Amino acid sequence: MNDKQKAHIISIIDRASSKMHTKYKKGTQEHSGHLWEVDGIIDMIIEESIDSLVYAYTLKDQLEKLGVKTGKIVENE
């Protein structure tokens, strides 16, 4: 890994850590107790996962329409 790549990963980790800290702190203020006690938590997680996948495919499609190479998603047949 070169110096530019090292700086890049440090930047990503720092930003992710900061956002995670903020979101965790907000979540503890809004929701106390055990995670399994949150009504509908599993369905919420599933919905968030689906949203993430839809966003990823949509972004990939939009970038490819602009001519940006994004790599290949391996799909099961």
PDB file of N, CA and C in Angstrom:
ATOM      1  N   MET A   1       0.849  -1.167   0.000  1.00  0.00           N
ATOM      2  CA  MET A   1       0.000   0.000   0.000  1.00  0.00           C
ATOM      3  C   MET A   1       0.901   1.238   0.000  1.00  0.00           C
ATOM      4  N   ASN A   2       0.575   2.163  -0.903  1.00  0.00           N
ATOM      5  CA  ASN A   2       1.397   3.372  -0.954  1.00  0.00           C
ATOM      6  C   ASN A   2       0.857   4.438   0.014  1.00  0.00           C
ATOM      7  N   ASP A   3       1.583   5.555   0.129  1.00  0.00           N
ATOM      8  CA  ASP A   3       1.204   6.605   1.089  1.00  0.00           C
ATOM      9  C   ASP A   3      -0.170   7.198   0.791  1.00  0.00           C
ATOM     10  N   LYS A   4      -0.485   7.360  -0.497  1.00  0.00           N
ATOM     11  CA  LYS A   4      -1.793   7.908  -0.878  1.00  0.00           C
ATOM     12  C   LYS A   4      -2.913   6.957  -0.449  1.00  0.00           C
ATOM     13  N   GLN A   5      -2.707   5.672  -0.643  1.00  0.00           N
ATOM     14  CA  GLN A   5      -3.708   4.673  -0.244  1.00  0.00           C
ATOM     15  C   GLN A   5      -3.858   4.627   1.279  1.00  0.00           C
ATOM     16  N   LYS A   6      -2.735   4.729   1.980  1.00  0.00           N
ATOM     17  CA  LYS A   6      -2.782   4.739   3.447  1.00  0.00           C
ATOM     18  C   LYS A   6      -3.573   5.943   3.949  1.00  0.00           C
ATOM     19  N   ALA A   7      -3.326   7.099   3.379  1.00  0.00           N
ATOM     20  CA  ALA A   7      -4.051   8.306   3.773  1.00  0.00           C
ATOM     21  C   ALA A   7      -5.537   8.169   3.452  1.00  0.00           C
ATOM     22  N   HIS A   8      -5.832   7.544   2.324  1.00  0.00           N
ATOM     23  CA  HIS A   8      -7.225   7.355   1.918  1.00  0.00           C
ATOM     24  C   HIS A   8      -7.967   6.467   2.910  1.00  0.00           C
ATOM     25  N   ILE A   9      -7.385   5.341   3.291  1.00  0.00           N
ATOM     26  CA  ILE A   9      -8.067   4.430   4.223  1.00  0.00           C
ATOM     27  C   ILE A   9      -8.205   5.073   5.602  1.00  0.00           C
ATOM     28  N   ILE A  10      -7.209   5.828   6.008  1.00  0.00           N
ATOM     29  CA  ILE A  10      -7.306   6.533   7.300  1.00  0.00           C
ATOM     30  C   ILE A  10      -8.451   7.536   7.259  1.00  0.00           C
ATOM     31  N   SER A  11      -8.598   8.247   6.145  1.00  0.00           N
ATOM     32  CA  SER A  11      -9.687   9.197   5.981  1.00  0.00           C
ATOM     33  C   SER A  11     -11.045   8.492   6.042  1.00  0.00           C
ATOM     34  N   ILE A  12     -11.165   7.371   5.382  1.00  0.00           N
ATOM     35  CA  ILE A  12     -12.417   6.602   5.396  1.00  0.00           C
ATOM     36  C   ILE A  12     -12.738   6.131   6.810  1.00  0.00           C
ATOM     37  N   ILE A  13     -11.752   5.592   7.488  1.00  0.00           N
ATOM     38  CA  ILE A  13     -11.950   5.084   8.854  1.00  0.00           C
ATOM     39  C   ILE A  13     -12.338   6.225   9.791  1.00  0.00           C
ATOM     40  N   ASP A  14     -11.664   7.362   9.660  1.00  0.00           N
ATOM     41  CA  ASP A  14     -11.977   8.513  10.516  1.00  0.00           C
ATOM     42  C   ASP A  14     -13.409   9.000  10.301  1.00  0.00           C
ATOM     43  N   ARG A  15     -13.814   9.121   9.035  1.00  0.00           N
ATOM     44  CA  ARG A  15     -15.172   9.595   8.742  1.00  0.00           C
ATOM     45  C   ARG A  15     -16.212   8.591   9.228  1.00  0.00           C
ATOM     46  N   ALA A  16     -15.969   7.316   8.962  1.00  0.00           N
ATOM     47  CA  ALA A  16     -16.921   6.280   9.393  1.00  0.00           C
ATOM     48  C   ALA A  16     -17.016   6.239  10.910  1.00  0.00           C
ATOM     49  N   SER A  17     -15.888   6.340  11.585  1.00  0.00           N
ATOM     50  CA  SER A  17     -15.862   6.313  13.042  1.00  0.00           C
ATOM     51  C   SER A  17     -16.642   7.483  13.618  1.00  0.00           C
ATOM     52  N   SER A  18     -16.452   8.667  13.060  1.00  0.00           N
ATOM     53  CA  SER A  18     -17.143   9.847  13.536  1.00  0.00           C
ATOM     54  C   SER A  18     -18.654   9.709  13.363  1.00  0.00           C
ATOM     55  N   LYS A  19     -19.074   9.272  12.190  1.00  0.00           N
ATOM     56  CA  LYS A  19     -20.505   9.095  11.929  1.00  0.00           C
ATOM     57  C   LYS A  19     -21.094   8.007  12.815  1.00  0.00           C
ATOM     58  N   MET A  20     -20.344   6.909  12.995  1.00  0.00           N
ATOM     59  CA  MET A  20     -20.830   5.816  13.829  1.00  0.00           C
ATOM     60  C   MET A  20     -20.983   6.269  15.276  1.00  0.00           C
ATOM     61  N   HIS A  21     -20.023   7.034  15.765  1.00  0.00           N
ATOM     62  CA  HIS A  21     -20.074   7.541  17.133  1.00  0.00           C
ATOM     63  C   HIS A  21     -21.317   8.420  17.327  1.00  0.00           C
ATOM     64  N   THR A  22     -21.539   9.342  16.383  1.00  0.00           N
ATOM     65  CA  THR A  22     -22.683  10.243  16.463  1.00  0.00           C
ATOM     66  C   THR A  22     -23.995   9.462  16.413  1.00  0.00           C
ATOM     67  N   LYS A  23     -24.102   8.522  15.489  1.00  0.00           N
ATOM     68  CA  LYS A  23     -25.329   7.741  15.329  1.00  0.00           C
ATOM     69  C   LYS A  23     -25.567   6.852  16.546  1.00  0.00           C
ATOM     70  N   TYR A  24     -24.511   6.258  17.077  1.00  0.00           N
ATOM     71  CA  TYR A  24     -24.639   5.395  18.258  1.00  0.00           C
ATOM     72  C   TYR A  24     -25.135   6.214  19.454  1.00  0.00           C
ATOM     73  N   LYS A  25     -24.532   7.391  19.648  1.00  0.00           N
ATOM     74  CA  LYS A  25     -24.909   8.245  20.770  1.00  0.00           C
ATOM     75  C   LYS A  25     -26.382   8.653  20.655  1.00  0.00           C
ATOM     76  N   LYS A  26     -26.806   9.048  19.453  1.00  0.00           N
ATOM     77  CA  LYS A  26     -28.200   9.417  19.231  1.00  0.00           C
ATOM     78  C   LYS A  26     -29.117   8.222  19.483  1.00  0.00           C
ATOM     79  N   GLY A  27     -28.701   7.056  19.011  1.00  0.00           N
ATOM     80  CA  GLY A  27     -29.503   5.849  19.197  1.00  0.00           C
ATOM     81  C   GLY A  27     -29.673   5.468  20.657  1.00  0.00           C
ATOM     82  N   THR A  28     -28.616   5.646  21.451  1.00  0.00           N
ATOM     83  CA  THR A  28     -28.723   5.307  22.877  1.00  0.00           C
ATOM     84  C   THR A  28     -29.651   6.270  23.608  1.00  0.00           C
ATOM     85  N   GLN A  29     -29.736   7.498  23.108  1.00  0.00           N
ATOM     86  CA  GLN A  29     -30.655   8.458  23.706  1.00  0.00           C
ATOM     87  C   GLN A  29     -32.103   8.153  23.320  1.00  0.00           C
ATOM     88  N   GLU A  30     -32.298   7.671  22.101  1.00  0.00           N
ATOM     89  CA  GLU A  30     -33.649   7.390  21.617  1.00  0.00           C
ATOM     90  C   GLU A  30     -34.151   6.014  22.046  1.00  0.00           C
ATOM     91  N   HIS A  31     -33.244   5.056  22.118  1.00  0.00           N
ATOM     92  CA  HIS A  31     -33.630   3.672  22.390  1.00  0.00           C
ATOM     93  C   HIS A  31     -32.729   3.111  23.484  1.00  0.00           C
ATOM     94  N   SER A  32     -33.282   2.878  24.626  1.00  0.00           N
ATOM     95  CA  SER A  32     -32.484   2.243  25.675  1.00  0.00           C
ATOM     96  C   SER A  32     -32.962   0.807  25.827  1.00  0.00           C
ATOM     97  N   GLY A  33     -32.185   0.007  26.460  1.00  0.00           N
ATOM     98  CA  GLY A  33     -32.571  -1.382  26.672  1.00  0.00           C
ATOM     99  C   GLY A  33     -31.935  -2.318  25.672  1.00  0.00           C
ATOM    100  N   HIS A  34     -32.509  -3.484  25.578  1.00  0.00           N
ATOM    101  CA  HIS A  34     -31.974  -4.527  24.706  1.00  0.00           C
ATOM    102  C   HIS A  34     -32.497  -4.369  23.288  1.00  0.00           C
ATOM    103  N   LEU A  35     -31.651  -4.668  22.328  1.00  0.00           N
ATOM    104  CA  LEU A  35     -32.029  -4.545  20.927  1.00  0.00           C
ATOM    105  C   LEU A  35     -33.232  -5.422  20.593  1.00  0.00           C
ATOM    106  N   TRP A  36     -33.277  -6.607  21.184  1.00  0.00           N
ATOM    107  CA  TRP A  36     -34.388  -7.512  20.873  1.00  0.00           C
ATOM    108  C   TRP A  36     -35.720  -7.003  21.419  1.00  0.00           C
ATOM    109  N   GLU A  37     -35.666  -5.987  22.264  1.00  0.00           N
ATOM    110  CA  GLU A  37     -36.895  -5.410  22.798  1.00  0.00           C
ATOM    111  C   GLU A  37     -37.476  -4.316  21.898  1.00  0.00           C
ATOM    112  N   VAL A  38     -36.737  -3.929  20.854  1.00  0.00           N
ATOM    113  CA  VAL A  38     -37.235  -2.925  19.917  1.00  0.00           C
ATOM    114  C   VAL A  38     -38.252  -3.599  19.011  1.00  0.00           C
ATOM    115  N   ASP A  39     -39.482  -3.106  19.074  1.00  0.00           N
ATOM    116  CA  ASP A  39     -40.562  -3.701  18.298  1.00  0.00           C
ATOM    117  C   ASP A  39     -40.253  -3.636  16.798  1.00  0.00           C
ATOM    118  N   GLY A  40     -40.244  -4.775  16.146  1.00  0.00           N
ATOM    119  CA  GLY A  40     -40.048  -4.836  14.702  1.00  0.00           C
ATOM    120  C   GLY A  40     -38.619  -4.689  14.236  1.00  0.00           C
ATOM    121  N   ILE A  41     -37.643  -4.868  15.124  1.00  0.00           N
ATOM    122  CA  ILE A  41     -36.235  -4.610  14.779  1.00  0.00           C
ATOM    123  C   ILE A  41     -35.747  -5.453  13.608  1.00  0.00           C
ATOM    124  N   ILE A  42     -36.137  -6.710  13.573  1.00  0.00           N
ATOM    125  CA  ILE A  42     -35.657  -7.572  12.479  1.00  0.00           C
ATOM    126  C   ILE A  42     -36.192  -7.072  11.144  1.00  0.00           C
ATOM    127  N   ASP A  43     -37.466  -6.709  11.104  1.00  0.00           N
ATOM    128  CA  ASP A  43     -38.027  -6.177   9.865  1.00  0.00           C
ATOM    129  C   ASP A  43     -37.367  -4.864   9.472  1.00  0.00           C
ATOM    130  N   MET A  44     -37.023  -4.027  10.459  1.00  0.00           N
ATOM    131  CA  MET A  44     -36.321  -2.774  10.163  1.00  0.00           C
ATOM    132  C   MET A  44     -34.957  -3.056   9.542  1.00  0.00           C
ATOM    133  N   ILE A  45     -34.262  -4.031  10.083  1.00  0.00           N
ATOM    134  CA  ILE A  45     -32.936  -4.387   9.553  1.00  0.00           C
ATOM    135  C   ILE A  45     -33.061  -4.896   8.122  1.00  0.00           C
ATOM    136  N   ILE A  46     -34.055  -5.727   7.878  1.00  0.00           N
ATOM    137  CA  ILE A  46     -34.282  -6.252   6.524  1.00  0.00           C
ATOM    138  C   ILE A  46     -34.583  -5.105   5.564  1.00  0.00           C
ATOM    139  N   GLU A  47     -35.452  -4.180   5.967  1.00  0.00           N
ATOM    140  CA  GLU A  47     -35.789  -3.038   5.115  1.00  0.00           C
ATOM    141  C   GLU A  47     -34.553  -2.187   4.806  1.00  0.00           C
ATOM    142  N   GLU A  48     -33.720  -1.932   5.806  1.00  0.00           N
ATOM    143  CA  GLU A  48     -32.500  -1.151   5.592  1.00  0.00           C
ATOM    144  C   GLU A  48     -31.553  -1.876   4.632  1.00  0.00           C
ATOM    145  N   SER A  49     -31.470  -3.191   4.769  1.00  0.00           N
ATOM    146  CA  SER A  49     -30.609  -3.979   3.890  1.00  0.00           C
ATOM    147  C   SER A  49     -31.096  -3.915   2.447  1.00  0.00           C
ATOM    148  N   ILE A  50     -32.404  -4.013   2.268  1.00  0.00           N
ATOM    149  CA  ILE A  50     -32.978  -3.922   0.923  1.00  0.00           C
ATOM    150  C   ILE A  50     -32.705  -2.544   0.340  1.00  0.00           C
ATOM    151  N   ASP A  51     -32.923  -1.491   1.131  1.00  0.00           N
ATOM    152  CA  ASP A  51     -32.648  -0.129   0.655  1.00  0.00           C
ATOM    153  C   ASP A  51     -31.200   0.005   0.197  1.00  0.00           C
ATOM    154  N   SER A  52     -30.278  -0.525   0.983  1.00  0.00           N
ATOM    155  CA  SER A  52     -28.857  -0.430   0.632  1.00  0.00           C
ATOM    156  C   SER A  52     -28.564  -1.105  -0.700  1.00  0.00           C
ATOM    157  N   LEU A  53     -29.150  -2.265  -0.916  1.00  0.00           N
ATOM    158  CA  LEU A  53     -28.948  -2.991  -2.168  1.00  0.00           C
ATOM    159  C   LEU A  53     -29.542  -2.217  -3.344  1.00  0.00           C
ATOM    160  N   VAL A  54     -30.742  -1.682  -3.161  1.00  0.00           N
ATOM    161  CA  VAL A  54     -31.375  -0.891  -4.222  1.00  0.00           C
ATOM    162  C   VAL A  54     -30.524   0.333  -4.547  1.00  0.00           C
ATOM    163  N   TYR A  55     -30.036   1.019  -3.519  1.00  0.00           N
ATOM    164  CA  TYR A  55     -29.179   2.180  -3.755  1.00  0.00           C
ATOM    165  C   TYR A  55     -27.908   1.786  -4.512  1.00  0.00           C
ATOM    166  N   ALA A  56     -27.310   0.684  -4.133  1.00  0.00           N
ATOM    167  CA  ALA A  56     -26.064   0.245  -4.776  1.00  0.00           C
ATOM    168  C   ALA A  56     -26.289  -0.079  -6.250  1.00  0.00           C
ATOM    169  N   TYR A  57     -27.342  -0.844  -6.556  1.00  0.00           N
ATOM    170  CA  TYR A  57     -27.638  -1.164  -7.958  1.00  0.00           C
ATOM    171  C   TYR A  57     -27.991   0.099  -8.747  1.00  0.00           C
ATOM    172  N   THR A  58     -28.753   1.005  -8.147  1.00  0.00           N
ATOM    173  CA  THR A  58     -29.142   2.234  -8.831  1.00  0.00           C
ATOM    174  C   THR A  58     -27.920   3.098  -9.119  1.00  0.00           C
ATOM    175  N   LEU A  59     -27.045   3.247  -8.128  1.00  0.00           N
ATOM    176  CA  LEU A  59     -25.824   4.031  -8.333  1.00  0.00           C
ATOM    177  C   LEU A  59     -24.960   3.401  -9.416  1.00  0.00           C
ATOM    178  N   LYS A  60     -24.822   2.087  -9.386  1.00  0.00           N
ATOM    179  CA  LYS A  60     -24.038   1.379 -10.399  1.00  0.00           C
ATOM    180  C   LYS A  60     -24.610   1.642 -11.789  1.00  0.00           C
ATOM    181  N   ASP A  61     -25.928   1.512 -11.940  1.00  0.00           N
ATOM    182  CA  ASP A  61     -26.573   1.752 -13.233  1.00  0.00           C
ATOM    183  C   ASP A  61     -26.368   3.187 -13.701  1.00  0.00           C
ATOM    184  N   GLN A  62     -26.541   4.148 -12.799  1.00  0.00           N
ATOM    185  CA  GLN A  62     -26.394   5.556 -13.171  1.00  0.00           C
ATOM    186  C   GLN A  62     -24.962   5.882 -13.583  1.00  0.00           C
ATOM    187  N   LEU A  63     -23.992   5.349 -12.840  1.00  0.00           N
ATOM    188  CA  LEU A  63     -22.590   5.589 -13.184  1.00  0.00           C
ATOM    189  C   LEU A  63     -22.243   4.963 -14.529  1.00  0.00           C
ATOM    190  N   GLU A  64     -22.740   3.752 -14.766  1.00  0.00           N
ATOM    191  CA  GLU A  64     -22.446   3.088 -16.036  1.00  0.00           C
ATOM    192  C   GLU A  64     -23.060   3.841 -17.207  1.00  0.00           C
ATOM    193  N   LYS A  65     -24.243   4.446 -17.006  1.00  0.00           N
ATOM    194  CA  LYS A  65     -24.864   5.256 -18.063  1.00  0.00           C
ATOM    195  C   LYS A  65     -24.011   6.474 -18.382  1.00  0.00           C
ATOM    196  N   LEU A  66     -23.227   6.928 -17.396  1.00  0.00           N
ATOM    197  CA  LEU A  66     -22.309   8.047 -17.606  1.00  0.00           C
ATOM    198  C   LEU A  66     -20.976   7.591 -18.190  1.00  0.00           C
ATOM    199  N   GLY A  67     -20.830   6.280 -18.364  1.00  0.00           N
ATOM    200  CA  GLY A  67     -19.600   5.742 -18.929  1.00  0.00           C
ATOM    201  C   GLY A  67     -18.542   5.384 -17.901  1.00  0.00           C
ATOM    202  N   VAL A  68     -18.901   5.393 -16.613  1.00  0.00           N
ATOM    203  CA  VAL A  68     -17.964   5.051 -15.556  1.00  0.00           C
ATOM    204  C   VAL A  68     -17.942   3.529 -15.396  1.00  0.00           C
ATOM    205  N   LYS A  69     -16.757   2.948 -15.454  1.00  0.00           N
ATOM    206  CA  LYS A  69     -16.638   1.501 -15.244  1.00  0.00           C
ATOM    207  C   LYS A  69     -16.742   1.209 -13.757  1.00  0.00           C
ATOM    208  N   THR A  70     -17.632   0.312 -13.387  1.00  0.00           N
ATOM    209  CA  THR A  70     -17.863   0.015 -11.985  1.00  0.00           C
ATOM    210  C   THR A  70     -17.508  -1.402 -11.600  1.00  0.00           C
ATOM    211  N   GLY A  71     -17.086  -2.192 -12.541  1.00  0.00           N
ATOM    212  CA  GLY A  71     -16.822  -3.587 -12.245  1.00  0.00           C
ATOM    213  C   GLY A  71     -18.054  -4.429 -12.496  1.00  0.00           C
ATOM    214  N   LYS A  72     -17.931  -5.686 -12.212  1.00  0.00           N
ATOM    215  CA  LYS A  72     -19.031  -6.606 -12.504  1.00  0.00           C
ATOM    216  C   LYS A  72     -19.574  -7.184 -11.200  1.00  0.00           C
ATOM    217  N   ILE A  73     -20.904  -7.144 -11.062  1.00  0.00           N
ATOM    218  CA  ILE A  73     -21.566  -7.794  -9.964  1.00  0.00           C
ATOM    219  C   ILE A  73     -21.846  -9.224 -10.389  1.00  0.00           C
ATOM    220  N   VAL A  74     -21.385 -10.177  -9.605  1.00  0.00           N
ATOM    221  CA  VAL A  74     -21.615 -11.579  -9.917  1.00  0.00           C
ATOM    222  C   VAL A  74     -23.008 -11.949  -9.445  1.00  0.00           C
ATOM    223  N   GLU A  75     -23.805 -12.467 -10.361  1.00  0.00           N
ATOM    224  CA  GLU A  75     -25.178 -12.821 -10.018  1.00  0.00           C
ATOM    225  C   GLU A  75     -25.373 -14.328 -10.167  1.00  0.00           C
ATOM    226  N   ASN A  76     -26.178 -14.868  -9.295  1.00  0.00           N
ATOM    227  CA  ASN A  76     -26.527 -16.292  -9.391  1.00  0.00           C
ATOM    228  C   ASN A  76     -27.505 -16.478 -10.533  1.00  0.00           C
ATOM    229  N   GLU A  77     -27.336 -17.565 -11.242  1.00  0.00           N
ATOM    230  CA  GLU A  77     -28.258 -17.831 -12.353  1.00  0.00           C
ATOM    231  C   GLU A  77     -29.337 -18.787 -11.929  1.00  0.00           C
TER     232      GLU A  77
END
